[in-house]
Amino acid sequence: MKQVVAIIKPYLAEKVLDGLKRAPLEAIHVREVKGYGRQKSYLDQYGENEYSMAFLPKVEIVLWVDDLRVDEIVRKIVEVARTGRMGDGKIFVTSVDSFATIMEMGEQES
């Protein structure tokens, strides 16, 4: 199993989630985050005003996906979230060695 973390522009989050609606996912988690990537140098161009150290609003979508479906899921996210402009976001894919469902663990102890 893999964990896919997509950090995207907020106004595209609903479109990405809609595009993943029928995807074979184990689970999904969404939250609002703030940060910056390579566009930090772009923000510095504003000098001493309020934007110079600004964190940009983003949405983080975390998905748990079967290994065989990762490429399909990543392609779908890129297809929907890519605008071609700086700050479109990032996608990280990591391996999940193990996981447990809390409810199932409680039943094992009974």
PDB file of N, CA and C in Angstrom:
ATOM      1  N   MET A   1       0.840  -1.173   0.000  1.00  0.00           N
ATOM      2  CA  MET A   1       0.000   0.000   0.000  1.00  0.00           C
ATOM      3  C   MET A   1       0.885   1.236   0.000  1.00  0.00           C
ATOM      4  N   LYS A   2       0.391   2.315  -0.616  1.00  0.00           N
ATOM      5  CA  LYS A   2       1.114   3.582  -0.692  1.00  0.00           C
ATOM      6  C   LYS A   2       0.259   4.695  -0.096  1.00  0.00           C
ATOM      7  N   GLN A   3       0.954   5.700   0.424  1.00  0.00           N
ATOM      8  CA  GLN A   3       0.292   6.919   0.868  1.00  0.00           C
ATOM      9  C   GLN A   3       0.632   7.995  -0.157  1.00  0.00           C
ATOM     10  N   VAL A   4      -0.382   8.639  -0.695  1.00  0.00           N
ATOM     11  CA  VAL A   4      -0.206   9.716  -1.663  1.00  0.00           C
ATOM     12  C   VAL A   4      -0.654  11.000  -0.977  1.00  0.00           C
ATOM     13  N   VAL A   5       0.252  11.973  -0.930  1.00  0.00           N
ATOM     14  CA  VAL A   5      -0.059  13.274  -0.334  1.00  0.00           C
ATOM     15  C   VAL A   5       0.007  14.310  -1.445  1.00  0.00           C
ATOM     16  N   ALA A   6      -1.113  14.952  -1.717  1.00  0.00           N
ATOM     17  CA  ALA A   6      -1.177  16.003  -2.730  1.00  0.00           C
ATOM     18  C   ALA A   6      -1.445  17.330  -2.032  1.00  0.00           C
ATOM     19  N   ILE A   7      -0.589  18.298  -2.298  1.00  0.00           N
ATOM     20  CA  ILE A   7      -0.777  19.641  -1.751  1.00  0.00           C
ATOM     21  C   ILE A   7      -1.085  20.534  -2.939  1.00  0.00           C
ATOM     22  N   ILE A   8      -2.312  21.066  -2.960  1.00  0.00           N
ATOM     23  CA  ILE A   8      -2.806  21.755  -4.152  1.00  0.00           C
ATOM     24  C   ILE A   8      -3.437  23.099  -3.789  1.00  0.00           C
ATOM     25  N   LYS A   9      -3.760  23.850  -4.833  1.00  0.00           N
ATOM     26  CA  LYS A   9      -4.438  25.134  -4.650  1.00  0.00           C
ATOM     27  C   LYS A   9      -5.852  24.888  -4.128  1.00  0.00           C
ATOM     28  N   PRO A  10      -6.293  25.706  -3.174  1.00  0.00           N
ATOM     29  CA  PRO A  10      -7.603  25.477  -2.537  1.00  0.00           C
ATOM     30  C   PRO A  10      -8.784  25.444  -3.497  1.00  0.00           C
ATOM     31  N   TYR A  11      -8.786  26.295  -4.502  1.00  0.00           N
ATOM     32  CA  TYR A  11      -9.944  26.342  -5.392  1.00  0.00           C
ATOM     33  C   TYR A  11     -10.047  25.113  -6.301  1.00  0.00           C
ATOM     34  N   LEU A  12      -9.008  24.282  -6.324  1.00  0.00           N
ATOM     35  CA  LEU A  12      -9.047  23.063  -7.126  1.00  0.00           C
ATOM     36  C   LEU A  12      -9.361  21.815  -6.305  1.00  0.00           C
ATOM     37  N   ALA A  13      -9.438  21.960  -4.999  1.00  0.00           N
ATOM     38  CA  ALA A  13      -9.633  20.792  -4.124  1.00  0.00           C
ATOM     39  C   ALA A  13     -10.923  20.047  -4.440  1.00  0.00           C
ATOM     40  N   GLU A  14     -12.020  20.749  -4.586  1.00  0.00           N
ATOM     41  CA  GLU A  14     -13.301  20.088  -4.869  1.00  0.00           C
ATOM     42  C   GLU A  14     -13.258  19.349  -6.200  1.00  0.00           C
ATOM     43  N   LYS A  15     -12.604  19.944  -7.206  1.00  0.00           N
ATOM     44  CA  LYS A  15     -12.505  19.282  -8.512  1.00  0.00           C
ATOM     45  C   LYS A  15     -11.664  18.011  -8.408  1.00  0.00           C
ATOM     46  N   VAL A  16     -10.574  18.068  -7.644  1.00  0.00           N
ATOM     47  CA  VAL A  16      -9.731  16.884  -7.468  1.00  0.00           C
ATOM     48  C   VAL A  16     -10.515  15.799  -6.741  1.00  0.00           C
ATOM     49  N   LEU A  17     -11.188  16.170  -5.660  1.00  0.00           N
ATOM     50  CA  LEU A  17     -11.971  15.192  -4.903  1.00  0.00           C
ATOM     51  C   LEU A  17     -13.080  14.590  -5.760  1.00  0.00           C
ATOM     52  N   ASP A  18     -13.694  15.417  -6.583  1.00  0.00           N
ATOM     53  CA  ASP A  18     -14.736  14.916  -7.486  1.00  0.00           C
ATOM     54  C   ASP A  18     -14.136  13.943  -8.501  1.00  0.00           C
ATOM     55  N   GLY A  19     -12.944  14.245  -8.995  1.00  0.00           N
ATOM     56  CA  GLY A  19     -12.276  13.365  -9.940  1.00  0.00           C
ATOM     57  C   GLY A  19     -11.865  12.030  -9.332  1.00  0.00           C
ATOM     58  N   LEU A  20     -11.665  12.022  -8.006  1.00  0.00           N
ATOM     59  CA  LEU A  20     -11.265  10.798  -7.306  1.00  0.00           C
ATOM     60  C   LEU A  20     -12.456  10.038  -6.723  1.00  0.00           C
ATOM     61  N   LYS A  21     -13.653  10.552  -6.941  1.00  0.00           N
ATOM     62  CA  LYS A  21     -14.855   9.992  -6.331  1.00  0.00           C
ATOM     63  C   LYS A  21     -15.011   8.489  -6.581  1.00  0.00           C
ATOM     64  N   ARG A  22     -14.716   8.060  -7.779  1.00  0.00           N
ATOM     65  CA  ARG A  22     -14.888   6.645  -8.132  1.00  0.00           C
ATOM     66  C   ARG A  22     -13.584   5.857  -8.081  1.00  0.00           C
ATOM     67  N   ALA A  23     -12.522   6.504  -7.644  1.00  0.00           N
ATOM     68  CA  ALA A  23     -11.216   5.831  -7.583  1.00  0.00           C
ATOM     69  C   ALA A  23     -11.198   4.806  -6.451  1.00  0.00           C
ATOM     70  N   PRO A  24     -10.453   3.745  -6.648  1.00  0.00           N
ATOM     71  CA  PRO A  24     -10.365   2.694  -5.613  1.00  0.00           C
ATOM     72  C   PRO A  24      -9.404   3.092  -4.499  1.00  0.00           C
ATOM     73  N   LEU A  25      -9.909   3.773  -3.508  1.00  0.00           N
ATOM     74  CA  LEU A  25      -9.093   4.261  -2.396  1.00  0.00           C
ATOM     75  C   LEU A  25      -9.407   3.490  -1.131  1.00  0.00           C
ATOM     76  N   GLU A  26      -8.397   3.276  -0.313  1.00  0.00           N
ATOM     77  CA  GLU A  26      -8.618   2.671   1.002  1.00  0.00           C
ATOM     78  C   GLU A  26      -9.194   3.711   1.956  1.00  0.00           C
ATOM     79  N   ALA A  27      -8.644   4.931   1.903  1.00  0.00           N
ATOM     80  CA  ALA A  27      -9.109   6.007   2.776  1.00  0.00           C
ATOM     81  C   ALA A  27      -8.619   7.333   2.208  1.00  0.00           C
ATOM     82  N   ILE A  28      -9.223   8.417   2.680  1.00  0.00           N
ATOM     83  CA  ILE A  28      -8.839   9.758   2.243  1.00  0.00           C
ATOM     84  C   ILE A  28      -8.962  10.716   3.418  1.00  0.00           C
ATOM     85  N   HIS A  29      -8.067  11.704   3.452  1.00  0.00           N
ATOM     86  CA  HIS A  29      -8.047  12.700   4.528  1.00  0.00           C
ATOM     87  C   HIS A  29      -7.765  14.047   3.873  1.00  0.00           C
ATOM     88  N   VAL A  30      -8.515  15.079   4.230  1.00  0.00           N
ATOM     89  CA  VAL A  30      -8.358  16.404   3.631  1.00  0.00           C
ATOM     90  C   VAL A  30      -8.242  17.443   4.739  1.00  0.00           C
ATOM     91  N   ARG A  31      -7.296  18.380   4.558  1.00  0.00           N
ATOM     92  CA  ARG A  31      -7.197  19.479   5.510  1.00  0.00           C
ATOM     93  C   ARG A  31      -6.594  20.709   4.836  1.00  0.00           C
ATOM     94  N   GLU A  32      -6.898  21.865   5.424  1.00  0.00           N
ATOM     95  CA  GLU A  32      -6.332  23.121   4.947  1.00  0.00           C
ATOM     96  C   GLU A  32      -4.957  23.296   5.573  1.00  0.00           C
ATOM     97  N   VAL A  33      -3.986  23.721   4.753  1.00  0.00           N
ATOM     98  CA  VAL A  33      -2.629  23.950   5.237  1.00  0.00           C
ATOM     99  C   VAL A  33      -2.116  25.264   4.651  1.00  0.00           C
ATOM    100  N   LYS A  34      -0.999  25.745   5.169  1.00  0.00           N
ATOM    101  CA  LYS A  34      -0.350  26.946   4.640  1.00  0.00           C
ATOM    102  C   LYS A  34       1.127  26.660   4.502  1.00  0.00           C
ATOM    103  N   GLY A  35       1.741  27.233   3.494  1.00  0.00           N
ATOM    104  CA  GLY A  35       3.162  27.033   3.308  1.00  0.00           C
ATOM    105  C   GLY A  35       3.634  27.687   2.026  1.00  0.00           C
ATOM    106  N   TYR A  36       4.869  27.391   1.651  1.00  0.00           N
ATOM    107  CA  TYR A  36       5.390  27.870   0.382  1.00  0.00           C
ATOM    108  C   TYR A  36       6.455  26.906  -0.105  1.00  0.00           C
ATOM    109  N   GLY A  37       6.681  26.914  -1.399  1.00  0.00           N
ATOM    110  CA  GLY A  37       7.707  26.088  -2.023  1.00  0.00           C
ATOM    111  C   GLY A  37       8.669  26.987  -2.760  1.00  0.00           C
ATOM    112  N   ARG A  38       8.905  26.673  -4.020  1.00  0.00           N
ATOM    113  CA  ARG A  38       9.857  27.458  -4.801  1.00  0.00           C
ATOM    114  C   ARG A  38       9.380  28.883  -5.046  1.00  0.00           C
ATOM    115  N   GLN A  39       8.085  29.139  -4.912  1.00  0.00           N
ATOM    116  CA  GLN A  39       7.594  30.497  -5.130  1.00  0.00           C
ATOM    117  C   GLN A  39       8.003  31.435  -4.012  1.00  0.00           C
ATOM    118  N   LYS A  40       8.727  30.954  -2.997  1.00  0.00           N
ATOM    119  CA  LYS A  40       9.215  31.803  -1.904  1.00  0.00           C
ATOM    120  C   LYS A  40       9.999  32.977  -2.475  1.00  0.00           C
ATOM    121  N   SER A  41      10.870  32.728  -3.459  1.00  0.00           N
ATOM    122  CA  SER A  41      11.651  33.817  -4.047  1.00  0.00           C
ATOM    123  C   SER A  41      10.725  34.819  -4.743  1.00  0.00           C
ATOM    124  N   TYR A  42       9.643  34.341  -5.290  1.00  0.00           N
ATOM    125  CA  TYR A  42       8.652  35.215  -5.910  1.00  0.00           C
ATOM    126  C   TYR A  42       8.025  36.118  -4.855  1.00  0.00           C
ATOM    127  N   LEU A  43       7.737  35.568  -3.667  1.00  0.00           N
ATOM    128  CA  LEU A  43       7.157  36.361  -2.590  1.00  0.00           C
ATOM    129  C   LEU A  43       8.133  37.410  -2.087  1.00  0.00           C
ATOM    130  N   ASP A  44       9.423  37.097  -2.093  1.00  0.00           N
ATOM    131  CA  ASP A  44      10.428  38.051  -1.631  1.00  0.00           C
ATOM    132  C   ASP A  44      10.462  39.309  -2.488  1.00  0.00           C
ATOM    133  N   GLN A  45      10.000  39.239  -3.711  1.00  0.00           N
ATOM    134  CA  GLN A  45      10.016  40.395  -4.602  1.00  0.00           C
ATOM    135  C   GLN A  45       9.143  41.535  -4.088  1.00  0.00           C
ATOM    136  N   TYR A  46       8.222  41.201  -3.203  1.00  0.00           N
ATOM    137  CA  TYR A  46       7.345  42.227  -2.652  1.00  0.00           C
ATOM    138  C   TYR A  46       8.039  43.070  -1.594  1.00  0.00           C
ATOM    139  N   GLY A  47       9.255  42.705  -1.206  1.00  0.00           N
ATOM    140  CA  GLY A  47      10.043  43.508  -0.281  1.00  0.00           C
ATOM    141  C   GLY A  47       9.519  43.510   1.134  1.00  0.00           C
ATOM    142  N   GLU A  48       9.343  44.699   1.678  1.00  0.00           N
ATOM    143  CA  GLU A  48       9.012  44.853   3.093  1.00  0.00           C
ATOM    144  C   GLU A  48       7.514  44.841   3.388  1.00  0.00           C
ATOM    145  N   ASN A  49       6.674  44.642   2.425  1.00  0.00           N
ATOM    146  CA  ASN A  49       5.241  44.689   2.719  1.00  0.00           C
ATOM    147  C   ASN A  49       4.751  43.378   3.335  1.00  0.00           C
ATOM    148  N   GLU A  50       3.468  43.280   3.568  1.00  0.00           N
ATOM    149  CA  GLU A  50       2.890  42.145   4.286  1.00  0.00           C
ATOM    150  C   GLU A  50       3.032  40.810   3.559  1.00  0.00           C
ATOM    151  N   TYR A  51       3.342  40.838   2.269  1.00  0.00           N
ATOM    152  CA  TYR A  51       3.445  39.597   1.513  1.00  0.00           C
ATOM    153  C   TYR A  51       4.833  38.957   1.577  1.00  0.00           C
ATOM    154  N   SER A  52       5.825  39.680   2.074  1.00  0.00           N
ATOM    155  CA  SER A  52       7.198  39.205   1.965  1.00  0.00           C
ATOM    156  C   SER A  52       7.451  37.893   2.699  1.00  0.00           C
ATOM    157  N   MET A  53       6.746  37.626   3.777  1.00  0.00           N
ATOM    158  CA  MET A  53       6.926  36.371   4.492  1.00  0.00           C
ATOM    159  C   MET A  53       5.614  35.590   4.576  1.00  0.00           C
ATOM    160  N   ALA A  54       4.783  35.769   3.584  1.00  0.00           N
ATOM    161  CA  ALA A  54       3.454  35.148   3.593  1.00  0.00           C
ATOM    162  C   ALA A  54       3.538  33.642   3.359  1.00  0.00           C
ATOM    163  N   PHE A  55       2.669  32.921   4.020  1.00  0.00           N
ATOM    164  CA  PHE A  55       2.452  31.520   3.717  1.00  0.00           C
ATOM    165  C   PHE A  55       1.198  31.463   2.855  1.00  0.00           C
ATOM    166  N   LEU A  56       1.256  30.687   1.811  1.00  0.00           N
ATOM    167  CA  LEU A  56       0.125  30.609   0.896  1.00  0.00           C
ATOM    168  C   LEU A  56      -0.843  29.519   1.332  1.00  0.00           C
ATOM    169  N   PRO A  57      -2.142  29.763   1.201  1.00  0.00           N
ATOM    170  CA  PRO A  57      -3.126  28.730   1.557  1.00  0.00           C
ATOM    171  C   PRO A  57      -3.100  27.599   0.540  1.00  0.00           C
ATOM    172  N   LYS A  58      -3.157  26.386   1.027  1.00  0.00           N
ATOM    173  CA  LYS A  58      -3.195  25.180   0.193  1.00  0.00           C
ATOM    174  C   LYS A  58      -4.151  24.191   0.836  1.00  0.00           C
ATOM    175  N   VAL A  59      -4.456  23.129   0.120  1.00  0.00           N
ATOM    176  CA  VAL A  59      -5.238  22.025   0.655  1.00  0.00           C
ATOM    177  C   VAL A  59      -4.386  20.768   0.521  1.00  0.00           C
ATOM    178  N   GLU A  60      -4.319  20.004   1.604  1.00  0.00           N
ATOM    179  CA  GLU A  60      -3.579  18.751   1.609  1.00  0.00           C
ATOM    180  C   GLU A  60      -4.577  17.597   1.548  1.00  0.00           C
ATOM    181  N   ILE A  61      -4.423  16.767   0.525  1.00  0.00           N
ATOM    182  CA  ILE A  61      -5.261  15.584   0.370  1.00  0.00           C
ATOM    183  C   ILE A  61      -4.355  14.369   0.552  1.00  0.00           C
ATOM    184  N   VAL A  62      -4.671  13.550   1.536  1.00  0.00           N
ATOM    185  CA  VAL A  62      -3.884  12.352   1.811  1.00  0.00           C
ATOM    186  C   VAL A  62      -4.738  11.139   1.450  1.00  0.00           C
ATOM    187  N   LEU A  63      -4.181  10.285   0.611  1.00  0.00           N
ATOM    188  CA  LEU A  63      -4.894   9.100   0.132  1.00  0.00           C
ATOM    189  C   LEU A  63      -4.074   7.859   0.445  1.00  0.00           C
ATOM    190  N   TRP A  64      -4.750   6.769   0.737  1.00  0.00           N
ATOM    191  CA  TRP A  64      -4.093   5.481   0.898  1.00  0.00           C
ATOM    192  C   TRP A  64      -4.599   4.604  -0.231  1.00  0.00           C
ATOM    193  N   VAL A  65      -3.644   4.113  -1.032  1.00  0.00           N
ATOM    194  CA  VAL A  65      -3.973   3.481  -2.299  1.00  0.00           C
ATOM    195  C   VAL A  65      -3.218   2.162  -2.448  1.00  0.00           C
ATOM    196  N   ASP A  66      -3.842   1.201  -3.097  1.00  0.00           N
ATOM    197  CA  ASP A  66      -3.176  -0.052  -3.442  1.00  0.00           C
ATOM    198  C   ASP A  66      -2.009   0.259  -4.383  1.00  0.00           C
ATOM    199  N   ASP A  67      -0.910  -0.443  -4.219  1.00  0.00           N
ATOM    200  CA  ASP A  67       0.305  -0.200  -5.009  1.00  0.00           C
ATOM    201  C   ASP A  67       0.042  -0.145  -6.511  1.00  0.00           C
ATOM    202  N   LEU A  68      -0.816  -1.008  -7.003  1.00  0.00           N
ATOM    203  CA  LEU A  68      -1.072  -1.099  -8.440  1.00  0.00           C
ATOM    204  C   LEU A  68      -1.857   0.084  -8.996  1.00  0.00           C
ATOM    205  N   ARG A  69      -2.475   0.879  -8.143  1.00  0.00           N
ATOM    206  CA  ARG A  69      -3.323   1.993  -8.600  1.00  0.00           C
ATOM    207  C   ARG A  69      -2.679   3.366  -8.405  1.00  0.00           C
ATOM    208  N   VAL A  70      -1.458   3.410  -7.867  1.00  0.00           N
ATOM    209  CA  VAL A  70      -0.824   4.687  -7.541  1.00  0.00           C
ATOM    210  C   VAL A  70      -0.648   5.568  -8.771  1.00  0.00           C
ATOM    211  N   ASP A  71      -0.104   5.025  -9.857  1.00  0.00           N
ATOM    212  CA  ASP A  71       0.124   5.830 -11.058  1.00  0.00           C
ATOM    213  C   ASP A  71      -1.177   6.421 -11.591  1.00  0.00           C
ATOM    214  N   GLU A  72      -2.221   5.634 -11.579  1.00  0.00           N
ATOM    215  CA  GLU A  72      -3.540   6.090 -12.035  1.00  0.00           C
ATOM    216  C   GLU A  72      -4.035   7.263 -11.182  1.00  0.00           C
ATOM    217  N   ILE A  73      -3.889   7.150  -9.870  1.00  0.00           N
ATOM    218  CA  ILE A  73      -4.355   8.193  -8.950  1.00  0.00           C
ATOM    219  C   ILE A  73      -3.533   9.462  -9.129  1.00  0.00           C
ATOM    220  N   VAL A  74      -2.216   9.326  -9.215  1.00  0.00           N
ATOM    221  CA  VAL A  74      -1.343  10.492  -9.387  1.00  0.00           C
ATOM    222  C   VAL A  74      -1.658  11.190 -10.711  1.00  0.00           C
ATOM    223  N   ARG A  75      -1.844  10.424 -11.784  1.00  0.00           N
ATOM    224  CA  ARG A  75      -2.190  11.028 -13.082  1.00  0.00           C
ATOM    225  C   ARG A  75      -3.491  11.813 -12.994  1.00  0.00           C
ATOM    226  N   LYS A  76      -4.473  11.260 -12.304  1.00  0.00           N
ATOM    227  CA  LYS A  76      -5.767  11.938 -12.167  1.00  0.00           C
ATOM    228  C   LYS A  76      -5.624  13.258 -11.411  1.00  0.00           C
ATOM    229  N   ILE A  77      -4.844  13.245 -10.329  1.00  0.00           N
ATOM    230  CA  ILE A  77      -4.633  14.478  -9.560  1.00  0.00           C
ATOM    231  C   ILE A  77      -3.952  15.525 -10.422  1.00  0.00           C
ATOM    232  N   VAL A  78      -2.899  15.139 -11.137  1.00  0.00           N
ATOM    233  CA  VAL A  78      -2.174  16.080 -11.993  1.00  0.00           C
ATOM    234  C   VAL A  78      -3.086  16.622 -13.088  1.00  0.00           C
ATOM    235  N   GLU A  79      -3.871  15.759 -13.687  1.00  0.00           N
ATOM    236  CA  GLU A  79      -4.792  16.151 -14.756  1.00  0.00           C
ATOM    237  C   GLU A  79      -5.743  17.258 -14.294  1.00  0.00           C
ATOM    238  N   VAL A  80      -6.242  17.139 -13.094  1.00  0.00           N
ATOM    239  CA  VAL A  80      -7.227  18.105 -12.592  1.00  0.00           C
ATOM    240  C   VAL A  80      -6.555  19.339 -11.971  1.00  0.00           C
ATOM    241  N   ALA A  81      -5.457  19.164 -11.249  1.00  0.00           N
ATOM    242  CA  ALA A  81      -4.883  20.254 -10.455  1.00  0.00           C
ATOM    243  C   ALA A  81      -3.856  21.101 -11.204  1.00  0.00           C
ATOM    244  N   ARG A  82      -3.393  20.658 -12.353  1.00  0.00           N
ATOM    245  CA  ARG A  82      -2.341  21.392 -13.058  1.00  0.00           C
ATOM    246  C   ARG A  82      -2.910  22.587 -13.814  1.00  0.00           C
ATOM    247  N   THR A  83      -2.405  23.778 -13.477  1.00  0.00           N
ATOM    248  CA  THR A  83      -2.768  24.986 -14.203  1.00  0.00           C
ATOM    249  C   THR A  83      -1.616  25.452 -15.079  1.00  0.00           C
ATOM    250  N   GLY A  84      -0.409  24.944 -14.811  1.00  0.00           N
ATOM    251  CA  GLY A  84       0.769  25.371 -15.553  1.00  0.00           C
ATOM    252  C   GLY A  84       1.431  26.601 -14.968  1.00  0.00           C
ATOM    253  N   ARG A  85       0.942  27.043 -13.834  1.00  0.00           N
ATOM    254  CA  ARG A  85       1.506  28.232 -13.182  1.00  0.00           C
ATOM    255  C   ARG A  85       2.257  27.823 -11.927  1.00  0.00           C
ATOM    256  N   MET A  86       3.133  28.722 -11.475  1.00  0.00           N
ATOM    257  CA  MET A  86       3.898  28.470 -10.261  1.00  0.00           C
ATOM    258  C   MET A  86       2.945  28.258  -9.084  1.00  0.00           C
ATOM    259  N   GLY A  87       3.266  27.290  -8.227  1.00  0.00           N
ATOM    260  CA  GLY A  87       2.455  27.059  -7.048  1.00  0.00           C
ATOM    261  C   GLY A  87       1.332  26.057  -7.241  1.00  0.00           C
ATOM    262  N   ASP A  88       1.351  25.319  -8.348  1.00  0.00           N
ATOM    263  CA  ASP A  88       0.307  24.302  -8.566  1.00  0.00           C
ATOM    264  C   ASP A  88       0.286  23.258  -7.459  1.00  0.00           C
ATOM    265  N   GLY A  89       1.438  22.982  -6.868  1.00  0.00           N
ATOM    266  CA  GLY A  89       1.476  22.057  -5.743  1.00  0.00           C
ATOM    267  C   GLY A  89       2.493  20.956  -5.914  1.00  0.00           C
ATOM    268  N   LYS A  90       2.408  19.985  -5.032  1.00  0.00           N
ATOM    269  CA  LYS A  90       3.327  18.847  -5.009  1.00  0.00           C
ATOM    270  C   LYS A  90       2.534  17.583  -4.722  1.00  0.00           C
ATOM    271  N   ILE A  91       3.101  16.460  -5.157  1.00  0.00           N
ATOM    272  CA  ILE A  91       2.540  15.148  -4.830  1.00  0.00           C
ATOM    273  C   ILE A  91       3.682  14.291  -4.302  1.00  0.00           C
ATOM    274  N   PHE A  92       3.474  13.704  -3.139  1.00  0.00           N
ATOM    275  CA  PHE A  92       4.457  12.822  -2.522  1.00  0.00           C
ATOM    276  C   PHE A  92       3.853  11.426  -2.429  1.00  0.00           C
ATOM    277  N   VAL A  93       4.646  10.418  -2.739  1.00  0.00           N
ATOM    278  CA  VAL A  93       4.200   9.033  -2.630  1.00  0.00           C
ATOM    279  C   VAL A  93       5.179   8.304  -1.724  1.00  0.00           C
ATOM    280  N   THR A  94       4.659   7.691  -0.664  1.00  0.00           N
ATOM    281  CA  THR A  94       5.501   6.929   0.256  1.00  0.00           C
ATOM    282  C   THR A  94       4.889   5.548   0.486  1.00  0.00           C
ATOM    283  N   SER A  95       5.740   4.619   0.866  1.00  0.00           N
ATOM    284  CA  SER A  95       5.268   3.272   1.170  1.00  0.00           C
ATOM    285  C   SER A  95       4.691   3.217   2.570  1.00  0.00           C
ATOM    286  N   VAL A  96       3.661   2.420   2.724  1.00  0.00           N
ATOM    287  CA  VAL A  96       3.070   2.166   4.034  1.00  0.00           C
ATOM    288  C   VAL A  96       3.410   0.725   4.387  1.00  0.00           C
ATOM    289  N   ASP A  97       4.247   0.547   5.398  1.00  0.00           N
ATOM    290  CA  ASP A  97       4.674  -0.800   5.772  1.00  0.00           C
ATOM    291  C   ASP A  97       3.562  -1.601   6.430  1.00  0.00           C
ATOM    292  N   SER A  98       2.793  -0.944   7.275  1.00  0.00           N
ATOM    293  CA  SER A  98       1.677  -1.629   7.922  1.00  0.00           C
ATOM    294  C   SER A  98       0.687  -0.600   8.436  1.00  0.00           C
ATOM    295  N   PHE A  99      -0.512  -1.072   8.706  1.00  0.00           N
ATOM    296  CA  PHE A  99      -1.537  -0.226   9.315  1.00  0.00           C
ATOM    297  C   PHE A  99      -2.520  -1.126  10.031  1.00  0.00           C
ATOM    298  N   ALA A 100      -3.285  -0.548  10.901  1.00  0.00           N
ATOM    299  CA  ALA A 100      -4.292  -1.305  11.639  1.00  0.00           C
ATOM    300  C   ALA A 100      -5.548  -0.464  11.761  1.00  0.00           C
ATOM    301  N   THR A 101      -6.676  -1.123  11.737  1.00  0.00           N
ATOM    302  CA  THR A 101      -7.952  -0.470  11.982  1.00  0.00           C
ATOM    303  C   THR A 101      -8.243  -0.577  13.469  1.00  0.00           C
ATOM    304  N   ILE A 102      -8.509   0.526  14.126  1.00  0.00           N
ATOM    305  CA  ILE A 102      -8.701   0.545  15.570  1.00  0.00           C
ATOM    306  C   ILE A 102      -9.827  -0.399  15.977  1.00  0.00           C
ATOM    307  N   MET A 103     -10.917  -0.384  15.233  1.00  0.00           N
ATOM    308  CA  MET A 103     -12.051  -1.245  15.585  1.00  0.00           C
ATOM    309  C   MET A 103     -11.640  -2.716  15.539  1.00  0.00           C
ATOM    310  N   GLU A 104     -10.904  -3.111  14.505  1.00  0.00           N
ATOM    311  CA  GLU A 104     -10.491  -4.504  14.403  1.00  0.00           C
ATOM    312  C   GLU A 104      -9.517  -4.881  15.526  1.00  0.00           C
ATOM    313  N   MET A 105      -8.658  -3.960  15.933  1.00  0.00           N
ATOM    314  CA  MET A 105      -7.714  -4.243  17.005  1.00  0.00           C
ATOM    315  C   MET A 105      -8.449  -4.477  18.327  1.00  0.00           C
ATOM    316  N   GLY A 106      -9.491  -3.703  18.567  1.00  0.00           N
ATOM    317  CA  GLY A 106     -10.270  -3.869  19.798  1.00  0.00           C
ATOM    318  C   GLY A 106     -10.962  -5.204  19.840  1.00  0.00           C
ATOM    319  N   GLU A 107     -11.407  -5.705  18.694  1.00  0.00           N
ATOM    320  CA  GLU A 107     -12.079  -7.006  18.639  1.00  0.00           C
ATOM    321  C   GLU A 107     -11.103  -8.146  18.910  1.00  0.00           C
ATOM    322  N   GLN A 108      -9.849  -7.975  18.516  1.00  0.00           N
ATOM    323  CA  GLN A 108      -8.846  -9.017  18.728  1.00  0.00           C
ATOM    324  C   GLN A 108      -8.559  -9.228  20.218  1.00  0.00           C
ATOM    325  N   GLU A 109      -8.647  -8.162  20.995  1.00  0.00           N
ATOM    326  CA  GLU A 109      -8.335  -8.244  22.416  1.00  0.00           C
ATOM    327  C   GLU A 109      -9.471  -8.855  23.205  1.00  0.00           C
ATOM    328  N   SER A 110     -10.674  -8.833  22.666  1.00  0.00           N
ATOM    329  CA  SER A 110     -11.844  -9.348  23.393  1.00  0.00           C
ATOM    330  C   SER A 110     -11.830 -10.847  23.481  1.00  0.00           C
TER     331      SER A 110
END
